[in-house]
Amino acid sequence: MLEQGVSPEAKSICAALEKSMSQGISAWSEYNKNKAQGLLWEVQESMLSFLTSQKQLLTAMN
């Protein structure tokens, strides 16, 4: 969805955004089941990765 009408570089960044969000959601769902502290680190890492990719996308679109 995000990829329509954007450059190949931006498409790659969009894929990274989707992957980061998916990983974060998966880790959060797993955390809700077992409450393992390491899963919170995975959620945090995924969200930071998402924010970094978002910044890259905005730069690529300008």
Foldseek 3Di string as FASTA:
>chain_A
DVPPPADPVLNVLVVQLVVLVVQLVVLVVVCVVPVDPVSVVSNVVSVVSNVVSVVVNVVRVD
